Protein backbone atom coordinates (compact mmCIF):
# COMPACT_ATOMS: atom_id res chain seq x y z
CA MET A 1 2.22 22.24 2.02
CA ALA A 2 4.32 19.45 0.47
CA ALA A 3 3.21 16.49 -1.63
CA ILE A 4 4.90 13.29 -2.76
CA GLN A 5 3.67 10.45 -4.94
CA MET A 6 4.75 7.06 -3.70
CA ARG A 7 4.45 3.77 -5.57
CA ILE A 8 5.41 0.55 -3.83
CA THR A 9 5.39 -2.82 -5.59
CA PHE A 10 4.91 -6.04 -3.66
CA GLN A 11 4.83 -9.72 -4.39
CA PHE A 12 2.10 -11.39 -2.39
CA ILE A 13 1.61 -14.92 -1.17
CA SER A 14 -1.94 -15.92 -0.38
CA GLU A 15 -4.26 -18.88 -0.30
CA SER A 16 -6.88 -16.58 -1.85
CA ALA A 17 -7.17 -16.11 -5.60
CA PRO A 18 -4.98 -13.25 -6.88
CA GLU A 19 -8.09 -11.41 -8.12
CA GLN A 20 -9.55 -11.45 -4.59
CA VAL A 21 -6.33 -10.03 -3.11
CA PHE A 22 -6.27 -7.30 -5.79
CA ASP A 23 -9.92 -6.39 -5.16
CA THR A 24 -9.63 -6.21 -1.37
CA VAL A 25 -6.39 -4.17 -1.36
CA THR A 26 -7.76 -1.81 -4.03
CA GLU A 27 -10.97 -1.24 -2.09
CA ALA A 28 -9.02 -0.64 1.12
CA LEU A 29 -6.69 1.93 -0.50
CA PHE A 30 -9.57 3.84 -2.11
CA ASP A 31 -11.53 3.80 1.17
CA LEU A 32 -8.52 5.23 3.04
CA GLU A 33 -8.04 7.91 0.39
CA ALA A 34 -11.71 8.92 0.61
CA ALA A 35 -11.52 9.20 4.41
CA SER A 36 -8.24 11.15 4.54
CA GLU A 37 -7.37 14.78 3.99
CA THR A 38 -3.69 13.90 3.41
CA LEU A 39 -4.06 11.19 0.71
CA LEU A 40 -5.05 11.63 -2.94
CA ASP A 41 -4.86 10.06 -6.39
CA ALA A 42 -4.77 6.41 -5.33
CA ASP A 43 -3.94 3.90 -8.06
CA VAL A 44 -3.46 0.13 -8.03
CA THR A 45 -1.99 -2.05 -10.77
CA SER A 46 -0.95 -5.67 -10.75
CA SER A 47 0.37 -8.66 -12.59
CA LEU A 48 -1.91 -11.38 -11.28
CA SER A 49 0.07 -14.11 -13.06
CA GLU A 50 3.17 -13.04 -11.08
CA ASN A 51 1.28 -12.24 -7.85
CA THR A 52 2.59 -8.68 -7.84
CA ILE A 53 0.70 -5.51 -6.99
CA SER A 54 1.75 -1.85 -7.14
CA LEU A 55 0.03 0.60 -4.82
CA SER A 56 0.41 4.31 -5.56
CA ILE A 57 -0.85 7.35 -3.67
CA VAL A 58 -0.01 11.01 -3.20
CA GLY A 59 0.65 11.98 0.40
CA THR A 60 0.51 15.59 1.56
CA GLY A 61 1.85 17.22 4.70
CA GLU A 62 3.48 20.29 6.17
CA THR A 63 6.91 18.96 5.16
CA ILE A 64 8.13 16.51 2.53
CA GLU A 65 8.95 14.08 5.34
CA ALA A 66 5.38 14.30 6.66
CA ALA A 67 3.97 13.85 3.16
CA SER A 68 6.19 10.80 2.61
CA GLU A 69 5.14 9.30 5.95
CA ASN A 70 1.45 9.86 5.12
CA ALA A 71 1.82 8.13 1.74
CA SER A 72 3.79 5.22 3.19
CA SER A 73 1.37 4.81 6.10
CA GLY A 74 -1.61 4.91 3.75
CA ILE A 75 -0.21 2.11 1.61
CA ARG A 76 0.66 -0.01 4.62
CA ALA A 77 -2.74 0.64 6.22
CA ALA A 78 -4.50 -0.52 3.03
CA ILE A 79 -2.57 -3.79 3.10
CA HIS A 80 -3.43 -4.35 6.75
CA LYS A 81 -7.07 -3.31 6.29
CA SER A 82 -7.38 -5.90 3.51
CA GLY A 83 -6.06 -8.66 5.78
CA GLY A 84 -2.46 -8.61 4.59
CA ALA A 85 0.80 -8.49 6.50
CA THR A 86 3.93 -6.42 5.86
CA PRO A 87 6.74 -8.27 7.64
CA GLY A 88 9.98 -6.38 7.75
CA TRP A 89 8.32 -2.98 7.21
CA ASP A 90 9.43 -1.93 10.66
CA GLN A 91 10.71 -4.83 12.72
CA THR A 92 8.57 -7.93 12.95
CA VAL A 93 4.90 -8.58 12.30
CA GLU A 94 2.93 -11.59 13.42
CA ILE A 95 2.07 -13.24 10.09
CA ALA A 96 -0.17 -16.10 11.22
CA ARG A 97 -3.23 -13.91 11.76
CA HIS A 98 -3.14 -12.41 8.25
CA GLN A 99 -4.67 -13.69 5.03
CA ALA A 100 -1.90 -12.56 2.69
CA VAL A 101 1.78 -11.72 3.03
CA PHE A 102 3.24 -8.90 0.95
CA LYS A 103 6.96 -9.02 0.14
CA PHE A 104 8.49 -5.67 -0.81
CA LEU A 105 9.87 -5.55 -4.37
CA GLU A 106 10.39 -1.91 -5.33
CA GLN A 107 9.47 1.64 -4.38
CA THR A 108 9.46 4.91 -6.26
CA ALA A 109 8.63 8.37 -5.02
CA SER A 110 8.53 11.73 -6.74
CA LEU A 111 7.51 15.21 -5.74
CA ALA A 112 3.91 15.74 -6.80
């Protein structure tokens, strides 16, 4: 079994108050962690004055690649579950139907 901790920092643009975005994304990430056997140790930090948020989670899997994919997918799923969009994550995402847009700023990952 492999594990990797992934932290991804985003800048978000939203018509909602930054506190509301933080609360909904945090709740979504913790809900996903609670429902998953491959995600642990979720953490969320932010700079509300700069509209940035860092989502961190440990992904586990049979290989390091699987663990990394689980962590990345968990973070992305939390953003989507909270009503956000992640344009450019893969190819294109329809932004109009989402409440907040997250722009990738930085990512770190380390073996857990």
